Amino acid sequence: MTKKKICIVEDDPDLRDAMGLMIQYTQDYELSGSFKNSEEALENIPVLSPDAILMDINLPGESGITCVRKIKSKLPQVLILMCTSYEDEDKIFASLQEGATGYILKTEGPAKIISALDELFEGGSPMSGSIARKVVASFCNFENKKLISEGLTAREQEILDLLSKGLMNKEVASILEISQGTVRKHIQNIYTKLHVNTRVEAVNIYLKR
């Protein structure tokens, strides 16, 4: 059976070497190349045309997220697994939006990384448990806000958003250039539509806390 070619993009030399050895010791994969930054990766990976890439995010120069986008524009078929220490939601979604197929944490260890590669080639999108929970929570929060927005007018959404930032009626009125009485009327409509009785309840629903 032909081994799948894997490239590594990781700036830490010890970790890069360790990951390279990890790949070489497997039966199904072979190390096609390892690179310390985005520039090296972009110069060599399109020529090597690997089957998959293990990609760090925090690289010197261009980030791994930018590298993902540029590599996918040249090799749209390549599978990219983010292998990083970041659990930041912005970085998770930015990576996936740019074309990464999976996202795991370095702390998971060698066995998890190899298992994630197996899952990639089986058609899956491997993620560390904590990352998957963040993705699900973010999706649920988005759907919750979407449902709220469908029931509220644009002005009511504006007011609820300002209330969620801790602003008082007087401040909301000043920002939106309307009277405090109008603000109170909108808030009462928000309460009715969300089936709540207090500002705290309305804001909690909006923020899904």
C-alpha atoms as a PDB file:
ATOM      1  CA  MET A   1       0.000   0.000   0.000  1.00  0.00           C
ATOM      2  CA  THR A   2       1.294   3.467  -0.936  1.00  0.00           C
ATOM      3  CA  LYS A   3       1.941   5.613   2.085  1.00  0.00           C
ATOM      4  CA  LYS A   4       0.222   8.985   2.406  1.00  0.00           C
ATOM      5  CA  LYS A   5       2.628  11.930   2.204  1.00  0.00           C
ATOM      6  CA  ILE A   6       2.544  14.301   5.170  1.00  0.00           C
ATOM      7  CA  CYS A   7       4.110  17.737   5.573  1.00  0.00           C
ATOM      8  CA  ILE A   8       4.636  19.563   8.865  1.00  0.00           C
ATOM      9  CA  VAL A   9       4.656  23.324   9.425  1.00  0.00           C
ATOM     10  CA  GLU A  10       5.889  24.040  12.967  1.00  0.00           C
ATOM     11  CA  ASP A  11       8.313  26.683  14.226  1.00  0.00           C
ATOM     12  CA  ASP A  12       9.481  24.847  17.375  1.00  0.00           C
ATOM     13  CA  PRO A  13      12.467  22.746  16.169  1.00  0.00           C
ATOM     14  CA  ASP A  14      12.193  20.103  18.890  1.00  0.00           C
ATOM     15  CA  LEU A  15       8.478  19.637  18.353  1.00  0.00           C
ATOM     16  CA  ARG A  16       8.928  19.677  14.581  1.00  0.00           C
ATOM     17  CA  ASP A  17      11.525  16.903  14.827  1.00  0.00           C
ATOM     18  CA  ALA A  18       9.386  14.911  17.248  1.00  0.00           C
ATOM     19  CA  MET A  19       6.361  15.147  14.962  1.00  0.00           C
ATOM     20  CA  GLY A  20       8.533  14.115  12.015  1.00  0.00           C
ATOM     21  CA  LEU A  21       9.725  11.005  13.843  1.00  0.00           C
ATOM     22  CA  MET A  22       6.162  10.254  14.867  1.00  0.00           C
ATOM     23  CA  ILE A  23       5.107  10.255  11.196  1.00  0.00           C
ATOM     24  CA  GLN A  24       8.082   8.162  10.078  1.00  0.00           C
ATOM     25  CA  TYR A  25       7.333   5.466  12.640  1.00  0.00           C
ATOM     26  CA  THR A  26       3.844   4.837  11.266  1.00  0.00           C
ATOM     27  CA  GLN A  27       2.941   2.230   8.656  1.00  0.00           C
ATOM     28  CA  ASP A  28       0.507   4.388   6.694  1.00  0.00           C
ATOM     29  CA  TYR A  29       2.316   7.734   6.463  1.00  0.00           C
ATOM     30  CA  GLU A  30       5.647   9.134   5.367  1.00  0.00           C
ATOM     31  CA  LEU A  31       7.205  12.520   6.040  1.00  0.00           C
ATOM     32  CA  SER A  32       7.332  14.516   2.829  1.00  0.00           C
ATOM     33  CA  GLY A  33       8.796  17.695   4.348  1.00  0.00           C
ATOM     34  CA  SER A  34       8.867  19.836   7.483  1.00  0.00           C
ATOM     35  CA  PHE A  35       9.072  23.618   7.587  1.00  0.00           C
ATOM     36  CA  LYS A  36       9.635  26.265  10.248  1.00  0.00           C
ATOM     37  CA  ASN A  37       7.504  29.056   8.816  1.00  0.00           C
ATOM     38  CA  SER A  38       4.832  29.954   6.303  1.00  0.00           C
ATOM     39  CA  GLU A  39       7.317  31.238   3.731  1.00  0.00           C
ATOM     40  CA  GLU A  40       9.225  27.933   3.582  1.00  0.00           C
ATOM     41  CA  ALA A  41       5.963  26.019   3.454  1.00  0.00           C
ATOM     42  CA  LEU A  42       4.559  28.072   0.580  1.00  0.00           C
ATOM     43  CA  GLU A  43       7.763  27.681  -1.401  1.00  0.00           C
ATOM     44  CA  ASN A  44       8.024  23.909  -1.033  1.00  0.00           C
ATOM     45  CA  ILE A  45       4.645  22.338  -0.320  1.00  0.00           C
ATOM     46  CA  PRO A  46       3.070  23.058  -3.737  1.00  0.00           C
ATOM     47  CA  VAL A  47       6.006  21.219  -5.342  1.00  0.00           C
ATOM     48  CA  LEU A  48       5.834  18.296  -2.909  1.00  0.00           C
ATOM     49  CA  SER A  49       2.037  18.049  -3.262  1.00  0.00           C
ATOM     50  CA  PRO A  50       1.472  16.108  -0.011  1.00  0.00           C
ATOM     51  CA  ASP A  51      -1.766  14.369   0.908  1.00  0.00           C
ATOM     52  CA  ALA A  52      -2.076  16.181   4.236  1.00  0.00           C
ATOM     53  CA  ILE A  53      -0.413  18.910   6.291  1.00  0.00           C
ATOM     54  CA  LEU A  54      -0.033  19.338  10.043  1.00  0.00           C
ATOM     55  CA  MET A  55      -0.199  23.114  10.511  1.00  0.00           C
ATOM     56  CA  ASP A  56       0.691  25.256  13.518  1.00  0.00           C
ATOM     57  CA  ILE A  57      -0.946  28.694  13.912  1.00  0.00           C
ATOM     58  CA  ASN A  58       1.633  30.756  15.765  1.00  0.00           C
ATOM     59  CA  LEU A  59       4.397  30.954  13.154  1.00  0.00           C
ATOM     60  CA  PRO A  60       7.036  33.673  12.727  1.00  0.00           C
ATOM     61  CA  GLY A  61       5.993  36.003   9.922  1.00  0.00           C
ATOM     62  CA  GLU A  62       2.708  34.984   8.340  1.00  0.00           C
ATOM     63  CA  SER A  63       0.400  32.977  10.575  1.00  0.00           C
ATOM     64  CA  GLY A  64      -0.585  29.394   9.944  1.00  0.00           C
ATOM     65  CA  ILE A  65      -4.113  30.582   9.155  1.00  0.00           C
ATOM     66  CA  THR A  66      -2.830  32.743   6.296  1.00  0.00           C
ATOM     67  CA  CYS A  67      -0.659  29.852   5.170  1.00  0.00           C
ATOM     68  CA  VAL A  68      -3.721  27.597   5.019  1.00  0.00           C
ATOM     69  CA  ARG A  69      -5.518  30.004   2.706  1.00  0.00           C
ATOM     70  CA  LYS A  70      -2.552  30.359   0.349  1.00  0.00           C
ATOM     71  CA  ILE A  71      -1.832  26.631   0.230  1.00  0.00           C
ATOM     72  CA  LYS A  72      -5.485  25.759  -0.420  1.00  0.00           C
ATOM     73  CA  SER A  73      -5.503  28.191  -3.348  1.00  0.00           C
ATOM     74  CA  LYS A  74      -2.644  26.196  -4.896  1.00  0.00           C
ATOM     75  CA  LEU A  75      -3.582  22.705  -3.673  1.00  0.00           C
ATOM     76  CA  PRO A  76      -7.352  22.669  -3.104  1.00  0.00           C
ATOM     77  CA  GLN A  77      -7.383  18.905  -2.605  1.00  0.00           C
ATOM     78  CA  VAL A  78      -4.841  18.816   0.230  1.00  0.00           C
ATOM     79  CA  LEU A  79      -6.132  18.019   3.730  1.00  0.00           C
ATOM     80  CA  ILE A  80      -4.944  20.380   6.463  1.00  0.00           C
ATOM     81  CA  LEU A  81      -5.057  19.543  10.155  1.00  0.00           C
ATOM     82  CA  MET A  82      -4.427  22.461  12.507  1.00  0.00           C
ATOM     83  CA  CYS A  83      -2.185  21.236  15.313  1.00  0.00           C
ATOM     84  CA  THR A  84      -1.815  24.059  17.791  1.00  0.00           C
ATOM     85  CA  SER A  85      -2.069  25.167  21.413  1.00  0.00           C
ATOM     86  CA  TYR A  86      -4.739  27.807  20.719  1.00  0.00           C
ATOM     87  CA  GLU A  87      -8.333  27.279  21.872  1.00  0.00           C
ATOM     88  CA  ASP A  88      -9.431  30.780  20.845  1.00  0.00           C
ATOM     89  CA  GLU A  89     -12.781  30.701  19.009  1.00  0.00           C
ATOM     90  CA  ASP A  90     -11.689  33.315  16.466  1.00  0.00           C
ATOM     91  CA  LYS A  91      -8.653  31.244  15.493  1.00  0.00           C
ATOM     92  CA  ILE A  92     -10.681  28.041  15.334  1.00  0.00           C
ATOM     93  CA  PHE A  93     -13.263  29.469  12.944  1.00  0.00           C
ATOM     94  CA  ALA A  94     -10.722  31.441  10.928  1.00  0.00           C
ATOM     95  CA  SER A  95      -8.759  28.231  10.342  1.00  0.00           C
ATOM     96  CA  LEU A  96     -11.828  26.283   9.285  1.00  0.00           C
ATOM     97  CA  GLN A  97     -13.061  29.088   7.053  1.00  0.00           C
ATOM     98  CA  GLU A  98      -9.726  29.245   5.262  1.00  0.00           C
ATOM     99  CA  GLY A  99      -9.875  25.549   4.451  1.00  0.00           C
ATOM    100  CA  ALA A 100      -8.588  23.491   7.384  1.00  0.00           C
ATOM    101  CA  THR A 101     -10.411  20.167   7.747  1.00  0.00           C
ATOM    102  CA  GLY A 102      -9.637  19.502  11.406  1.00  0.00           C
ATOM    103  CA  TYR A 103      -8.343  21.206  14.548  1.00  0.00           C
ATOM    104  CA  ILE A 104      -6.577  19.459  17.418  1.00  0.00           C
ATOM    105  CA  LEU A 105      -4.445  20.579  20.335  1.00  0.00           C
ATOM    106  CA  LYS A 106      -0.765  19.691  20.580  1.00  0.00           C
ATOM    107  CA  THR A 107      -1.334  18.608  24.169  1.00  0.00           C
ATOM    108  CA  GLU A 108      -3.396  15.672  22.904  1.00  0.00           C
ATOM    109  CA  GLY A 109      -0.165  13.810  22.154  1.00  0.00           C
ATOM    110  CA  PRO A 110       1.177  11.676  19.272  1.00  0.00           C
ATOM    111  CA  ALA A 111      -1.495   8.988  19.372  1.00  0.00           C
ATOM    112  CA  LYS A 112      -4.275  11.562  18.991  1.00  0.00           C
ATOM    113  CA  ILE A 113      -2.473  13.269  16.106  1.00  0.00           C
ATOM    114  CA  ILE A 114      -2.091   9.992  14.209  1.00  0.00           C
ATOM    115  CA  SER A 115      -5.696   9.093  14.990  1.00  0.00           C
ATOM    116  CA  ALA A 116      -6.748  12.507  13.668  1.00  0.00           C
ATOM    117  CA  LEU A 117      -4.846  11.878  10.434  1.00  0.00           C
ATOM    118  CA  ASP A 118      -6.605   8.522  10.096  1.00  0.00           C
ATOM    119  CA  GLU A 119      -9.943  10.271  10.541  1.00  0.00           C
ATOM    120  CA  LEU A 120      -9.020  12.896   7.945  1.00  0.00           C
ATOM    121  CA  PHE A 121      -8.378  10.256   5.304  1.00  0.00           C
ATOM    122  CA  GLU A 122     -11.586   8.458   6.257  1.00  0.00           C
ATOM    123  CA  GLY A 123     -13.529  11.602   5.368  1.00  0.00           C
ATOM    124  CA  GLY A 124     -13.937  13.031   8.862  1.00  0.00           C
ATOM    125  CA  SER A 125     -13.145  16.381  10.472  1.00  0.00           C
ATOM    126  CA  PRO A 126     -11.227  15.543  13.650  1.00  0.00           C
ATOM    127  CA  MET A 127     -11.322  17.969  16.566  1.00  0.00           C
ATOM    128  CA  SER A 128     -10.175  17.883  20.153  1.00  0.00           C
ATOM    129  CA  GLY A 129     -13.097  17.484  22.553  1.00  0.00           C
ATOM    130  CA  SER A 130     -12.780  21.002  23.952  1.00  0.00           C
ATOM    131  CA  ILE A 131     -12.625  22.460  20.428  1.00  0.00           C
ATOM    132  CA  ALA A 132     -15.716  20.551  19.314  1.00  0.00           C
ATOM    133  CA  ARG A 133     -17.625  21.866  22.334  1.00  0.00           C
ATOM    134  CA  LYS A 134     -16.675  25.445  21.435  1.00  0.00           C
ATOM    135  CA  VAL A 135     -17.866  24.925  17.868  1.00  0.00           C
ATOM    136  CA  VAL A 136     -21.189  23.463  19.033  1.00  0.00           C
ATOM    137  CA  ALA A 137     -21.667  26.197  21.664  1.00  0.00           C
ATOM    138  CA  SER A 138     -20.944  28.910  19.123  1.00  0.00           C
ATOM    139  CA  PHE A 139     -23.397  27.374  16.655  1.00  0.00           C
ATOM    140  CA  CYS A 140     -26.108  27.133  19.318  1.00  0.00           C
ATOM    141  CA  ASN A 141     -25.490  30.746  20.348  1.00  0.00           C
ATOM    142  CA  PHE A 142     -25.728  31.847  16.719  1.00  0.00           C
ATOM    143  CA  GLU A 143     -28.989  29.967  16.236  1.00  0.00           C
ATOM    144  CA  ASN A 144     -30.364  31.437  19.471  1.00  0.00           C
ATOM    145  CA  LYS A 145     -29.570  34.985  18.360  1.00  0.00           C
ATOM    146  CA  LYS A 146     -30.990  34.214  14.928  1.00  0.00           C
ATOM    147  CA  LEU A 147     -34.281  33.106  16.449  1.00  0.00           C
ATOM    148  CA  ILE A 148     -34.351  36.216  18.613  1.00  0.00           C
ATOM    149  CA  SER A 149     -33.598  38.493  15.696  1.00  0.00           C
ATOM    150  CA  GLU A 150     -36.393  36.945  13.641  1.00  0.00           C
ATOM    151  CA  GLY A 151     -38.930  38.001  16.266  1.00  0.00           C
ATOM    152  CA  LEU A 152     -37.607  41.491  17.015  1.00  0.00           C
ATOM    153  CA  THR A 153     -37.622  44.601  14.897  1.00  0.00           C
ATOM    154  CA  ALA A 154     -34.316  46.167  13.841  1.00  0.00           C
ATOM    155  CA  ARG A 155     -34.761  48.923  16.445  1.00  0.00           C
ATOM    156  CA  GLU A 156     -35.540  46.396  19.181  1.00  0.00           C
ATOM    157  CA  GLN A 157     -32.415  44.450  18.277  1.00  0.00           C
ATOM    158  CA  GLU A 158     -30.350  47.640  18.494  1.00  0.00           C
ATOM    159  CA  ILE A 159     -31.751  48.413  21.924  1.00  0.00           C
ATOM    160  CA  LEU A 160     -31.270  44.869  23.219  1.00  0.00           C
ATOM    161  CA  ASP A 161     -27.679  44.886  21.993  1.00  0.00           C
ATOM    162  CA  LEU A 162     -27.014  48.160  23.833  1.00  0.00           C
ATOM    163  CA  LEU A 163     -28.679  46.822  26.970  1.00  0.00           C
ATOM    164  CA  SER A 164     -26.446  43.754  26.794  1.00  0.00           C
ATOM    165  CA  LYS A 165     -23.454  46.120  27.044  1.00  0.00           C
ATOM    166  CA  GLY A 166     -24.740  47.487  30.348  1.00  0.00           C
ATOM    167  CA  LEU A 167     -26.112  50.798  29.090  1.00  0.00           C
ATOM    168  CA  MET A 168     -29.013  52.509  30.861  1.00  0.00           C
ATOM    169  CA  ASN A 169     -32.171  53.797  29.191  1.00  0.00           C
ATOM    170  CA  LYS A 170     -30.869  57.368  29.158  1.00  0.00           C
ATOM    171  CA  GLU A 171     -27.647  56.289  27.425  1.00  0.00           C
ATOM    172  CA  VAL A 172     -29.523  54.159  24.905  1.00  0.00           C
ATOM    173  CA  ALA A 173     -31.828  57.090  24.120  1.00  0.00           C
ATOM    174  CA  SER A 174     -28.845  59.385  23.606  1.00  0.00           C
ATOM    175  CA  ILE A 175     -27.011  56.968  21.301  1.00  0.00           C
ATOM    176  CA  LEU A 176     -30.095  56.233  19.178  1.00  0.00           C
ATOM    177  CA  GLU A 177     -31.322  59.855  19.365  1.00  0.00           C
ATOM    178  CA  ILE A 178     -34.787  58.911  20.596  1.00  0.00           C
ATOM    179  CA  SER A 179     -36.668  59.740  23.789  1.00  0.00           C
ATOM    180  CA  GLN A 180     -36.402  57.705  26.974  1.00  0.00           C
ATOM    181  CA  GLY A 181     -40.130  57.049  26.710  1.00  0.00           C
ATOM    182  CA  THR A 182     -39.622  55.467  23.295  1.00  0.00           C
ATOM    183  CA  VAL A 183     -36.814  53.350  24.699  1.00  0.00           C
ATOM    184  CA  ARG A 184     -39.087  52.147  27.519  1.00  0.00           C
ATOM    185  CA  LYS A 185     -41.815  51.277  25.027  1.00  0.00           C
ATOM    186  CA  HIS A 186     -39.378  49.245  22.909  1.00  0.00           C
ATOM    187  CA  ILE A 187     -38.104  47.457  26.019  1.00  0.00           C
ATOM    188  CA  GLN A 188     -41.650  46.490  26.991  1.00  0.00           C
ATOM    189  CA  ASN A 189     -42.159  45.068  23.481  1.00  0.00           C
ATOM    190  CA  ILE A 190     -38.911  43.113  23.842  1.00  0.00           C
ATOM    191  CA  TYR A 191     -40.109  41.674  27.173  1.00  0.00           C
ATOM    192  CA  THR A 192     -43.401  40.602  25.596  1.00  0.00           C
ATOM    193  CA  LYS A 193     -41.753  38.940  22.589  1.00  0.00           C
ATOM    194  CA  LEU A 194     -39.124  37.146  24.676  1.00  0.00           C
ATOM    195  CA  HIS A 195     -41.624  36.209  27.414  1.00  0.00           C
ATOM    196  CA  VAL A 196     -39.559  37.783  30.194  1.00  0.00           C
ATOM    197  CA  ASN A 197     -40.204  40.380  32.889  1.00  0.00           C
ATOM    198  CA  THR A 198     -36.812  41.956  33.501  1.00  0.00           C
ATOM    199  CA  ARG A 199     -33.883  43.458  31.657  1.00  0.00           C
ATOM    200  CA  VAL A 200     -31.552  40.806  33.071  1.00  0.00           C
ATOM    201  CA  GLU A 201     -33.708  37.980  31.701  1.00  0.00           C
ATOM    202  CA  ALA A 202     -33.854  39.608  28.267  1.00  0.00           C
ATOM    203  CA  VAL A 203     -30.099  40.156  28.138  1.00  0.00           C
ATOM    204  CA  ASN A 204     -29.407  36.621  29.390  1.00  0.00           C
ATOM    205  CA  ILE A 205     -31.497  35.186  26.557  1.00  0.00           C
ATOM    206  CA  TYR A 206     -29.727  37.429  24.072  1.00  0.00           C
ATOM    207  CA  LEU A 207     -26.280  36.375  25.294  1.00  0.00           C
ATOM    208  CA  LYS A 208     -27.410  32.799  26.017  1.00  0.00           C
ATOM    209  CA  ARG A 209     -25.822  32.736  29.446  1.00  0.00           C
END
